[in-house]
Every structure is written in structure tokens, then in C-alpha cells.
Amino acid sequence: MLGPRGILLLFSVMSFALAAMPPAAIPSVRAQSPQDGPLFVRASVDNDAPYLGQQITYLFSVYSSGVTLSSSEVRYEPPDFAGFWNGQPVRGDEYTETIGSREYRVIELRTALFPTIVGTVAIDPAGLTVSTGTAGSPRLLESPPVTVEVRPLPVAAPAGFTGAVGRFNITAEVNADSGQVNEPVQLKVTVSGEGNIETLPDPDWPEFPGWRVIESPPDTDSQVVAGHVAGSRTYGIVLIPEWAGELTIAQIGYTHFNPGLGEYVNTATSPIVISAADADGLPAVPPVPRAGNPPEEERPLMRPVKAVPPSLRQAEGGLTGSTGYWAAWGIPALAIGGALVWRRRQAVLEASRAASLRRNALPDAEAALARAVASGSDPAVASAETVLSYLSARLELPLAVLTREALLSQLREAGLRPELIERADEILAAGEAARYTPPVSGSTVTGDLAKRASQLLGELDQALES
């Protein structure tokens, strides 16, 4: 299966293949700002001040005028999008645009991104390698870096909020509103809307008194609708009544932050009442307590419920001979078995992914730091972000919750030397100061931070391996 880079590469190849279409088939657009050169690239985002977890779209545009390019002559190199959850590619456009006296054919490539850290996040340049087929070296075109100011979510989040950002709704339905004790009821709960569907947290599950609960893995379906990632996550739950009577499935809440409104929104399903009867199909009647035995004359005559049969014999089959009886017990067993197999498989995949991140944490961090320094990024900010990204991969902690205090606590629990922890804290503090305070004229404090961060990464890796 192609990953995001492979999909983008395939899309770029298809887009450049479309360049052979007649210009008359594409509408013309006139730009206001002039640009020189027969071939150049641009990069931008549709929102440079999103909230944490809110989708933005990264746009990479290729402008060509009088240049014929084939799919074998170009290669798109997207940024690594550090600090973002890299979503699925979004369909781009192709059109013509007049800049100055030139008419350009423009091909757009778009990628949906979800920021995972708060503050100033720089998206590295994207590259387009062009080979003209001559003896000369291929030409590399790079877009300028793009800066995004990620805003934190408002404080005082509701108690049920677990991190969902977007616009969502929750529904619940059952396959029947009545049944019998020990007879399964299928409950389907669906969270749908716009946002990072792949990483949605679970709903705020209530208690289920009177029910035996068997959970199954959720099904996730996501797609791009009008440029936004949307879809649903569906939970299938088997509920088995443990006693007769009217049993209630309490409302199921889902609290999320809506970036369009700038506030937290609480949604919930309506309660569902299920009528459960005894196994013989009659509603259960609770016993009525009596103060004492009535006098002999007030006692009712004992009469058989049914006529006495001419002979006594054992009933054929009985309850345990019923196919429905064993089917009712087989459904939970199958559900449990399927859930165990799926969870075991997911555990193996997660362990493999975690091991790969741990193994590549140090080389990835060193490469990211070198790119940041070469691009002229602030050394304090670049050093702090690199150390954070490394420790996130090494300690298997998400960047979204890796605060400075939580990070230091994790390092202490890992048994690292106090001197190493203090050096890491100094680099993180310098990064925060550089990000949120104005620069001090003539300051040399951050001059060797990149070098110190590189040394620290090596020592941290050695300490965590031991």
C-alpha cells in the first residue's frame, strides 16, 4: 500500500502527464503580482494560525511557461512535516495563470495536516527535481519554508473532553427494543464529522448496569470532502441483559473543540430503553412480600396450571437441545475471539512501529537538526523542537501531551543522571524563551545551542539504551 509520500508522488506524475492537454481545455486566471522565470514553485497554507489539532492544507504549486515536462523528468520531494500529523493528500487543481506578460500552466498538490505541538512551527521547503534529459545535472527547485503559529486550545476544557478537534456528532441505535434475558442486543455507536478521523478518541462511555458488555474494534472510514478530511468511526457493542425488566442504555457523550466556533461543544445520544423478558417470554414479576401465613381457610386451592397428562415422560430436547440456545452463547464467544485476535494483531503492529521509531530516533533527530540549522531557523527553537521530537519517539509519548514538566518527570523516572536532565531542561527553556519573547540585541546565549543539542542527543541515546 502506498504511503502519503507515494500517493503524492503518484499524483504529481499524473498531474504532469495532464500537462499535454490542450490549453483551451483549462480556464484562464489572471494574477496581480508579477513573477519572472519560465519555471518556479510556490508553497503556502490555507490557515497560518490554526488551533492545536485543527486541519490546515499545505499547497505546493508548480508554475511552467513554455517548458514541456514529462512524468519521467520530475520528482516531487515533500517536506517531512515535523510537528504535524501528516494526513492524506487532497486533490489539487490544474489551470493557467497570467503573471506579467507570461501565461503559466499551474499544477497544485495539496496535503491535509493536523498540528500536534503549540507555538511557531516551520514547514521545511518542498523540492521539485527537474531533469531535462541533457548532459547537465538535474535542476532542483525549492519553495520557501512556511511558518505556522499554532494556537493552544482554550483552558478550562469540560470534564468529558479527551482531545477531539473538529466538528462532530454522535448517534446510537440498537437492532431491537425488546428481547430476553441472555439474548444479545446489538448496539451501534457512530461518531461522524470533520477532523482527524484516524486519531479520534473514544466517546465518554457510561456505565451499563444490568448488561454484560462485549466490545469490538471500531471501524474507521475517512475521505476528503470539499478539501476537508471527514468520515466516521463506528463502534459495534454486544449487550446481553442479565435480568428481566426495562433496562436503560444511558446517553453516550462526545465532547469536542469546534475551531469554527472557537469553543467546546457537548453532544450526546438519547437514552435507549430495552424491555427484557424472562427466558419463557413472559415479563418478570417481582415477588410480593407477605407479613405471615394466612389462616387455612383463606389459603387458595392449589390447582394445576395445565391438565395432568395421561403418563409422565421426559420432554424431548429441552432448552439445551434448542439451536437458538447454543447460538445465543456462541455469538459472545465469537465476538470475544475476534476482538482478541484483532487486539493481538494491533499490539504486534504497534510494537513494531514503536521499535522502528525508537531505533531511528537519533538519526532522524540529528538529520532534522542539521536541516533546521542549514535553513537558517532560530537555533534555540530548532534545538528544543529536535530534543522534543527525539524524546517523543524514544519514550513513546505523543508530542501533544509532552509538556516540559511532564518530559522532565519522565526523564527522572527513566533514571537519567540529573546533569543530563538539567541540560535538557536548559535547551527546552531556551527554546521557549526564543519562541515567546523578543530577541535580545547582541545575545550570544543561543549561538552554540545546536552543537550542544547534538551532543545531548547522543548522550541521551546512550543513557536510555543502558
Protein backbone atom coordinates (compact mmCIF):
# COMPACT_ATOMS: atom_id res chain seq x y z
CA MET A 1 0.00 0.00 0.00
CA LEU A 2 1.34 3.45 -0.88
CA GLY A 3 2.12 5.82 1.97
CA PRO A 4 1.45 9.58 1.88
CA ARG A 5 4.72 10.25 0.01
CA GLY A 6 3.99 7.55 -2.54
CA ILE A 7 0.48 8.85 -3.12
CA LEU A 8 1.77 12.39 -3.57
CA LEU A 9 4.42 11.17 -5.98
CA LEU A 10 1.84 9.25 -7.98
CA PHE A 11 -0.44 12.27 -8.03
CA SER A 12 2.38 14.51 -9.21
CA VAL A 13 3.21 12.10 -12.04
CA MET A 14 -0.43 12.05 -13.12
CA SER A 15 -0.64 15.83 -12.91
CA PHE A 16 2.39 16.38 -15.12
CA ALA A 17 1.05 13.86 -17.59
CA LEU A 18 -2.03 16.05 -17.88
CA ALA A 19 0.23 18.88 -18.99
CA ALA A 20 -0.05 17.56 -22.55
CA MET A 21 -3.75 18.56 -22.67
CA PRO A 22 -4.64 21.49 -24.95
CA PRO A 23 -4.52 24.83 -23.11
CA ALA A 24 -8.03 25.66 -24.30
CA ALA A 25 -9.44 22.94 -22.02
CA ILE A 26 -8.30 24.84 -18.87
CA PRO A 27 -9.79 28.16 -17.70
CA SER A 28 -7.51 31.19 -17.53
CA VAL A 29 -6.86 33.17 -14.32
CA ARG A 30 -5.02 36.50 -14.12
CA ALA A 31 -2.71 37.15 -11.14
CA GLN A 32 -1.87 40.53 -9.63
CA SER A 33 1.81 40.04 -8.65
CA PRO A 34 4.46 39.56 -11.40
CA GLN A 35 6.95 36.68 -11.31
CA ASP A 36 9.93 36.09 -13.59
CA GLY A 37 11.29 32.81 -14.94
CA PRO A 38 9.78 30.07 -17.12
CA LEU A 39 9.65 27.53 -14.25
CA PHE A 40 9.24 28.09 -10.50
CA VAL A 41 7.42 26.69 -7.45
CA ARG A 42 5.50 28.15 -4.53
CA ALA A 43 4.22 26.82 -1.19
CA SER A 44 1.59 28.10 1.24
CA VAL A 45 -1.05 27.02 3.76
CA ASP A 46 -4.71 27.95 3.84
CA ASN A 47 -4.56 28.83 7.56
CA ASP A 48 -1.36 30.02 9.22
CA ALA A 49 -2.88 30.37 12.73
CA PRO A 50 -4.77 27.13 13.44
CA TYR A 51 -5.68 25.65 16.78
CA LEU A 52 -3.86 22.57 18.04
CA GLY A 53 -5.34 19.60 16.14
CA GLN A 54 -7.21 21.72 13.57
CA GLN A 55 -6.78 20.79 9.91
CA ILE A 56 -4.80 23.02 7.60
CA THR A 57 -4.00 22.38 3.93
CA TYR A 58 -0.46 22.65 2.58
CA LEU A 59 -0.39 23.81 -1.05
CA PHE A 60 2.60 23.19 -3.36
CA SER A 61 2.25 24.84 -6.80
CA VAL A 62 4.38 24.33 -9.93
CA TYR A 63 4.40 27.18 -12.50
CA SER A 64 5.68 26.48 -16.01
CA SER A 65 5.66 28.70 -19.12
CA GLY A 66 6.95 27.39 -22.45
CA VAL A 67 8.52 24.39 -20.68
CA THR A 68 7.48 20.88 -21.67
CA LEU A 69 7.81 18.40 -18.82
CA SER A 70 7.12 14.68 -18.82
CA SER A 71 6.46 12.47 -15.82
CA SER A 72 9.93 10.91 -16.11
CA GLU A 73 11.64 14.29 -15.82
CA VAL A 74 10.22 15.50 -12.49
CA ARG A 75 10.29 14.25 -8.90
CA TYR A 76 8.38 15.89 -6.06
CA GLU A 77 10.05 15.86 -2.62
CA PRO A 78 7.52 16.89 0.06
CA PRO A 79 8.68 18.20 3.44
CA ASP A 80 8.75 15.81 6.39
CA PHE A 81 6.08 17.98 8.09
CA ALA A 82 7.68 17.78 11.54
CA GLY A 83 5.22 18.95 14.18
CA PHE A 84 2.20 17.78 12.18
CA TRP A 85 0.19 14.62 11.85
CA ASN A 86 0.57 14.05 8.13
CA GLY A 87 -2.91 13.44 6.73
CA GLN A 88 -3.97 12.11 3.39
CA PRO A 89 -3.30 14.00 0.14
CA VAL A 90 -6.09 16.26 -1.07
CA ARG A 91 -6.91 16.53 -4.77
CA GLY A 92 -5.21 19.53 -6.35
CA ASP A 93 -6.20 21.69 -9.31
CA GLU A 94 -4.69 22.43 -12.71
CA TYR A 95 -5.24 25.72 -14.51
CA THR A 96 -3.50 28.57 -16.33
CA GLU A 97 -2.49 31.86 -14.74
CA THR A 98 -1.14 35.02 -16.33
CA ILE A 99 1.71 36.69 -14.45
CA GLY A 100 3.06 39.84 -16.02
CA SER A 101 3.44 39.07 -19.72
CA ARG A 102 3.71 35.29 -19.29
CA GLU A 103 1.00 32.67 -19.22
CA TYR A 104 1.80 29.81 -16.85
CA ARG A 105 0.35 26.34 -16.53
CA VAL A 106 -0.11 25.73 -12.79
CA ILE A 107 -0.31 22.32 -11.12
CA GLU A 108 -1.28 22.17 -7.43
CA LEU A 109 -0.52 19.41 -4.92
CA ARG A 110 -2.31 19.61 -1.57
CA THR A 111 -1.78 17.77 1.71
CA ALA A 112 -4.03 17.82 4.79
CA LEU A 113 -2.07 18.45 8.02
CA PHE A 114 -3.03 18.45 11.70
CA PRO A 115 -0.66 20.34 14.08
CA THR A 116 0.48 18.34 17.11
CA ILE A 117 2.51 20.98 19.00
CA VAL A 118 1.76 24.52 20.11
CA GLY A 119 3.79 27.55 19.05
CA THR A 120 5.73 28.54 15.95
CA VAL A 121 6.17 25.57 13.62
CA ALA A 122 8.22 25.87 10.42
CA ILE A 123 7.43 23.64 7.45
CA ASP A 124 10.66 22.90 5.58
CA PRO A 125 10.97 23.72 1.87
CA ALA A 126 9.44 21.32 -0.62
CA GLY A 127 11.55 20.37 -3.63
CA LEU A 128 10.99 19.62 -7.29
CA THR A 129 13.85 17.93 -9.13
CA VAL A 130 13.71 18.57 -12.88
CA SER A 131 15.78 16.59 -15.39
CA THR A 132 15.78 17.93 -18.96
CA GLY A 133 17.48 14.87 -20.41
CA THR A 134 20.68 16.78 -21.30
CA ALA A 135 24.17 16.04 -20.03
CA GLY A 136 23.80 18.64 -17.30
CA SER A 137 22.89 17.90 -13.68
CA PRO A 138 19.19 17.84 -12.69
CA ARG A 139 17.82 21.16 -11.53
CA LEU A 140 16.36 21.42 -8.02
CA LEU A 141 13.61 23.94 -7.37
CA GLU A 142 12.74 24.62 -3.73
CA SER A 143 9.81 26.50 -2.28
CA PRO A 144 10.44 28.86 0.64
CA PRO A 145 9.65 27.50 4.13
CA VAL A 146 6.20 28.18 5.53
CA THR A 147 5.65 29.28 9.14
CA VAL A 148 2.54 28.36 11.11
CA GLU A 149 1.56 29.79 14.51
CA VAL A 150 -0.32 27.00 16.29
CA ARG A 151 -2.68 28.26 19.00
CA PRO A 152 -3.36 26.23 22.16
CA LEU A 153 -6.90 25.12 22.91
CA PRO A 154 -8.80 27.28 25.42
CA VAL A 155 -8.27 26.45 29.07
CA ALA A 156 -10.95 25.04 31.37
CA ALA A 157 -11.98 22.25 28.99
CA PRO A 158 -15.10 20.28 30.01
CA ALA A 159 -14.61 17.12 32.05
CA GLY A 160 -15.54 14.83 29.14
CA PHE A 161 -13.06 16.37 26.67
CA THR A 162 -10.36 13.90 25.58
CA GLY A 163 -8.76 15.76 22.65
CA ALA A 164 -11.16 15.65 19.68
CA VAL A 165 -10.84 18.77 17.49
CA GLY A 166 -13.21 19.40 14.60
CA ARG A 167 -16.95 19.25 14.06
CA PHE A 168 -18.60 16.00 15.17
CA ASN A 169 -21.90 14.36 16.01
CA ILE A 170 -22.67 11.09 17.82
CA THR A 171 -25.57 8.68 17.25
CA ALA A 172 -26.61 5.36 18.78
CA GLU A 173 -29.04 2.69 17.65
CA VAL A 174 -29.96 -0.90 18.59
CA ASN A 175 -31.21 -3.77 16.45
CA ALA A 176 -34.24 -4.38 18.72
CA ASP A 177 -36.08 -2.58 21.51
CA SER A 178 -37.14 -5.80 23.27
CA GLY A 179 -35.68 -9.23 23.91
CA GLN A 180 -35.00 -11.85 26.51
CA VAL A 181 -32.51 -12.40 29.29
CA ASN A 182 -29.18 -13.71 27.89
CA GLU A 183 -30.29 -12.78 24.36
CA PRO A 184 -27.74 -10.41 22.71
CA VAL A 185 -28.68 -6.88 21.68
CA GLN A 186 -26.52 -5.13 19.08
CA LEU A 187 -25.64 -1.50 19.92
CA LYS A 188 -24.05 0.63 17.18
CA VAL A 189 -22.48 3.97 18.15
CA THR A 190 -21.18 6.26 15.39
CA VAL A 191 -19.06 9.40 15.71
CA SER A 192 -19.05 11.32 12.41
CA GLY A 193 -17.97 14.72 11.12
CA GLU A 194 -14.89 16.67 10.01
CA GLY A 195 -11.47 16.35 11.65
CA ASN A 196 -8.65 13.88 12.17
CA ILE A 197 -10.84 10.77 11.93
CA GLU A 198 -7.88 8.37 12.13
CA THR A 199 -6.90 9.54 15.64
CA LEU A 200 -10.31 10.30 17.17
CA PRO A 201 -10.56 9.46 20.88
CA ASP A 202 -13.33 7.16 22.08
CA PRO A 203 -16.67 8.51 23.35
CA ASP A 204 -17.30 9.07 27.04
CA TRP A 205 -18.75 5.63 27.76
CA PRO A 206 -21.32 5.43 30.57
CA GLU A 207 -21.84 2.52 32.96
CA PHE A 208 -24.04 -0.31 31.70
CA PRO A 209 -25.83 -1.68 34.80
CA GLY A 210 -27.83 -4.82 34.08
CA TRP A 211 -25.85 -5.61 30.94
CA ARG A 212 -22.94 -7.85 30.11
CA VAL A 213 -20.82 -5.84 27.65
CA ILE A 214 -18.70 -7.27 24.82
CA GLU A 215 -16.75 -4.67 22.83
CA SER A 216 -15.44 -4.97 19.29
CA PRO A 217 -12.76 -2.91 17.48
CA PRO A 218 -14.17 0.26 15.85
CA ASP A 219 -14.42 0.67 12.08
CA THR A 220 -12.91 3.90 10.70
CA ASP A 221 -13.86 5.42 7.36
CA SER A 222 -12.31 8.70 6.20
CA GLN A 223 -12.28 10.62 2.94
CA VAL A 224 -11.79 14.16 1.67
CA VAL A 225 -14.96 16.20 1.22
CA ALA A 226 -14.62 19.72 -0.24
CA GLY A 227 -10.98 19.84 0.84
CA HIS A 228 -11.63 18.69 4.42
CA VAL A 229 -10.89 15.30 5.95
CA ALA A 230 -14.21 13.82 7.08
CA GLY A 231 -15.68 10.44 7.89
CA SER A 232 -16.88 8.33 10.76
CA ARG A 233 -15.81 5.91 13.46
CA THR A 234 -18.34 3.19 14.29
CA TYR A 235 -18.33 1.06 17.45
CA GLY A 236 -20.20 -2.25 17.49
CA ILE A 237 -21.05 -3.39 21.03
CA VAL A 238 -22.86 -6.56 22.11
CA LEU A 239 -25.08 -6.06 25.18
CA ILE A 240 -26.55 -9.10 26.95
CA PRO A 241 -29.36 -8.47 29.53
CA GLU A 242 -28.52 -10.02 32.89
CA TRP A 243 -32.02 -9.70 34.36
CA ALA A 244 -35.57 -9.13 33.20
CA GLY A 245 -37.36 -5.79 33.14
CA GLU A 246 -36.79 -2.43 31.47
CA LEU A 247 -33.07 -1.80 31.07
CA THR A 248 -31.76 1.62 30.02
CA ILE A 249 -28.72 2.38 27.87
CA ALA A 250 -27.68 5.76 29.25
CA GLN A 251 -26.79 8.66 26.98
CA ILE A 252 -23.31 8.50 25.45
CA GLY A 253 -21.50 11.82 25.36
CA TYR A 254 -18.89 13.18 22.97
CA THR A 255 -17.21 16.48 23.81
CA HIS A 256 -15.02 18.15 21.19
CA PHE A 257 -13.49 21.53 20.38
CA ASN A 258 -15.01 23.22 17.33
CA PRO A 259 -12.38 25.54 15.75
CA GLY A 260 -15.02 27.33 13.68
CA LEU A 261 -16.90 28.36 16.81
CA GLY A 262 -13.78 28.67 18.97
CA GLU A 263 -15.45 26.78 21.83
CA TYR A 264 -16.07 23.34 23.27
CA VAL A 265 -19.24 21.57 22.17
CA ASN A 266 -21.04 18.80 24.07
CA THR A 267 -23.05 16.28 22.04
CA ALA A 268 -24.76 13.14 23.31
CA THR A 269 -27.08 10.36 22.24
CA SER A 270 -30.57 9.93 23.68
CA PRO A 271 -31.13 7.20 26.30
CA ILE A 272 -32.44 3.90 24.89
CA VAL A 273 -34.83 1.65 26.85
CA ILE A 274 -34.85 -2.11 26.17
CA SER A 275 -37.58 -4.38 27.52
CA ALA A 276 -36.07 -7.72 28.55
CA ALA A 277 -38.33 -10.68 29.33
CA ASP A 278 -37.63 -13.94 31.12
CA ALA A 279 -36.47 -16.86 29.02
CA ASP A 280 -40.06 -18.17 28.74
CA GLY A 281 -41.10 -14.95 27.05
CA LEU A 282 -43.12 -13.51 29.97
CA PRO A 283 -42.13 -10.34 31.79
CA ALA A 284 -40.61 -10.99 35.20
CA VAL A 285 -42.85 -10.22 38.17
CA PRO A 286 -41.02 -9.44 41.41
CA PRO A 287 -42.20 -11.43 44.46
CA VAL A 288 -44.60 -9.63 46.82
CA PRO A 289 -43.53 -9.93 50.49
CA ARG A 290 -46.18 -11.11 52.95
CA ALA A 291 -46.39 -10.35 56.65
CA GLY A 292 -47.17 -14.03 57.54
CA ASN A 293 -49.07 -17.16 56.50
CA PRO A 294 -52.87 -16.66 56.13
CA PRO A 295 -55.33 -18.88 58.02
CA GLU A 296 -56.03 -22.31 56.49
CA GLU A 297 -59.48 -21.30 55.27
CA GLU A 298 -58.06 -18.24 53.44
CA ARG A 299 -55.45 -20.18 51.55
CA PRO A 300 -56.33 -20.62 47.84
CA LEU A 301 -56.86 -24.08 46.43
CA MET A 302 -53.81 -25.40 44.59
CA ARG A 303 -54.81 -26.18 41.02
CA PRO A 304 -52.55 -27.40 38.22
CA VAL A 305 -51.69 -24.83 35.57
CA LYS A 306 -52.18 -27.41 32.81
CA ALA A 307 -54.19 -30.62 32.53
CA VAL A 308 -52.50 -33.68 34.01
CA PRO A 309 -51.05 -35.81 31.18
CA PRO A 310 -52.04 -39.47 30.96
CA SER A 311 -48.44 -40.54 31.53
CA LEU A 312 -45.25 -38.94 32.73
CA ARG A 313 -42.26 -38.84 30.46
CA GLN A 314 -39.20 -36.63 29.93
CA ALA A 315 -39.72 -33.74 27.49
CA GLU A 316 -37.91 -34.11 24.20
CA GLY A 317 -34.93 -31.87 23.64
CA GLY A 318 -35.49 -29.25 26.34
CA LEU A 319 -33.86 -25.82 26.43
CA THR A 320 -30.34 -27.10 25.90
CA GLY A 321 -31.46 -29.01 22.84
CA SER A 322 -32.52 -25.80 21.12
CA THR A 323 -30.32 -24.45 18.35
CA GLY A 324 -31.16 -20.90 19.40
CA TYR A 325 -29.90 -21.60 22.93
CA TRP A 326 -26.41 -22.56 21.77
CA ALA A 327 -26.38 -19.80 19.13
CA ALA A 328 -27.05 -17.22 21.85
CA TRP A 329 -23.95 -18.45 23.70
CA GLY A 330 -21.90 -18.75 20.51
CA ILE A 331 -22.30 -15.10 19.47
CA PRO A 332 -20.45 -13.67 22.52
CA ALA A 333 -17.74 -16.31 22.15
CA LEU A 334 -17.18 -15.41 18.50
CA ALA A 335 -17.17 -11.69 19.32
CA ILE A 336 -14.64 -12.18 22.11
CA GLY A 337 -12.45 -14.37 19.91
CA GLY A 338 -12.49 -11.84 17.08
CA ALA A 339 -11.69 -8.98 19.43
CA LEU A 340 -8.77 -10.88 20.97
CA VAL A 341 -7.29 -11.72 17.56
CA TRP A 342 -7.64 -8.10 16.37
CA ARG A 343 -6.13 -6.67 19.54
CA ARG A 344 -3.24 -9.12 19.42
CA ARG A 345 -2.57 -8.10 15.82
CA GLN A 346 -2.79 -4.41 16.68
CA ALA A 347 -0.42 -4.93 19.60
CA VAL A 348 2.14 -6.57 17.30
CA LEU A 349 1.83 -3.72 14.75
CA GLU A 350 2.11 -1.04 17.44
CA ALA A 351 5.14 -2.76 18.95
CA SER A 352 6.78 -2.91 15.51
CA ARG A 353 6.06 0.77 14.83
CA ALA A 354 7.31 1.78 18.27
CA ALA A 355 10.51 -0.24 17.83
CA SER A 356 11.14 1.40 14.45
CA LEU A 357 10.63 4.89 15.92
CA ARG A 358 12.97 4.11 18.83
CA ARG A 359 15.60 2.66 16.50
CA ASN A 360 15.57 5.67 14.15
CA ALA A 361 15.00 8.35 16.79
CA LEU A 362 18.63 9.50 16.99
CA PRO A 363 19.49 9.62 13.23
CA ASP A 364 16.13 11.25 12.46
CA ALA A 365 16.70 13.90 15.14
CA GLU A 366 20.26 14.65 14.00
CA ALA A 367 19.11 14.98 10.39
CA ALA A 368 16.23 17.29 11.38
CA LEU A 369 18.57 19.48 13.43
CA ALA A 370 21.03 19.74 10.55
CA ARG A 371 18.26 20.75 8.13
CA ALA A 372 16.95 23.37 10.54
CA VAL A 373 20.40 24.93 11.02
CA ALA A 374 21.09 24.91 7.27
CA SER A 375 17.77 26.65 6.55
CA GLY A 376 18.59 29.49 8.95
CA SER A 377 15.98 28.63 11.59
CA ASP A 378 16.38 30.02 15.09
CA PRO A 379 18.92 27.67 16.75
CA ALA A 380 17.16 27.79 20.12
CA VAL A 381 13.75 26.88 18.69
CA ALA A 382 15.23 24.26 16.36
CA SER A 383 17.23 22.64 19.18
CA ALA A 384 14.25 22.50 21.54
CA GLU A 385 11.93 21.05 18.87
CA THR A 386 14.53 18.44 17.89
CA VAL A 387 15.04 17.30 21.51
CA LEU A 388 11.26 17.14 22.00
CA SER A 389 10.76 15.09 18.83
CA TYR A 390 13.59 12.71 19.76
CA LEU A 391 12.29 12.09 23.29
CA SER A 392 8.74 11.69 21.99
CA ALA A 393 9.87 8.85 19.72
CA ARG A 394 12.31 7.37 22.26
CA LEU A 395 9.88 7.40 25.20
CA GLU A 396 6.81 6.61 23.05
CA LEU A 397 4.93 9.72 24.20
CA PRO A 398 2.75 11.91 21.90
CA LEU A 399 4.06 15.42 21.30
CA ALA A 400 0.58 16.84 22.01
CA VAL A 401 0.88 15.94 25.71
CA LEU A 402 4.67 16.19 26.07
CA THR A 403 4.88 19.35 28.16
CA ARG A 404 8.17 20.45 29.60
CA GLU A 405 7.20 19.42 33.14
CA ALA A 406 5.85 16.03 32.01
CA LEU A 407 9.01 15.42 29.99
CA LEU A 408 11.33 16.12 32.91
CA SER A 409 9.26 13.82 35.09
CA GLN A 410 9.59 11.04 32.50
CA LEU A 411 13.36 11.51 32.36
CA ARG A 412 13.60 11.23 36.14
CA GLU A 413 11.52 8.04 36.09
CA ALA A 414 13.82 6.65 33.39
CA GLY A 415 16.73 7.00 35.84
CA LEU A 416 18.78 9.50 33.85
CA ARG A 417 21.57 11.43 35.50
CA PRO A 418 20.46 14.79 37.00
CA GLU A 419 23.14 16.52 34.91
CA LEU A 420 21.59 15.22 31.66
CA ILE A 421 18.10 16.23 32.78
CA GLU A 422 19.32 19.72 33.68
CA ARG A 423 20.95 20.16 30.25
CA ALA A 424 17.78 19.04 28.51
CA ASP A 425 15.75 21.49 30.61
CA GLU A 426 18.12 24.35 29.68
CA ILE A 427 17.67 23.67 25.94
CA LEU A 428 13.88 23.45 26.26
CA ALA A 429 13.78 26.64 28.33
CA ALA A 430 15.92 28.46 25.77
CA GLY A 431 13.56 27.33 23.02
CA GLU A 432 10.52 28.61 24.90
CA ALA A 433 12.22 31.93 25.59
CA ALA A 434 13.20 32.36 21.93
CA ARG A 435 9.68 31.48 20.78
CA TYR A 436 7.61 33.64 23.11
CA THR A 437 9.92 36.59 23.97
CA PRO A 438 11.54 39.19 21.69
CA PRO A 439 15.23 38.62 20.84
CA VAL A 440 17.85 40.43 22.91
CA SER A 441 20.24 42.54 20.86
CA GLY A 442 23.79 41.17 20.87
CA SER A 443 22.88 38.00 22.79
CA THR A 444 25.24 35.04 22.30
CA VAL A 445 23.38 32.61 24.56
CA THR A 446 21.88 30.65 21.67
CA GLY A 447 24.96 30.72 19.47
CA ASP A 448 26.13 27.16 20.26
CA LEU A 449 22.77 25.66 21.20
CA ALA A 450 22.62 23.50 18.07
CA LYS A 451 26.01 21.98 18.86
CA ARG A 452 25.05 21.43 22.50
CA ALA A 453 21.75 19.86 21.42
CA SER A 454 23.56 17.47 19.08
CA GLN A 455 25.92 16.38 21.89
CA LEU A 456 22.99 16.00 24.27
CA LEU A 457 21.08 13.78 21.83
CA GLY A 458 23.99 11.34 21.63
CA GLU A 459 24.38 11.16 25.40
CA LEU A 460 20.63 10.78 25.95
CA ASP A 461 20.51 7.92 23.47
CA GLN A 462 23.42 6.18 25.15
CA ALA A 463 21.85 6.65 28.60
CA LEU A 464 18.43 5.39 27.52
CA GLU A 465 19.97 2.32 25.85
CA SER A 466 21.76 1.29 29.04
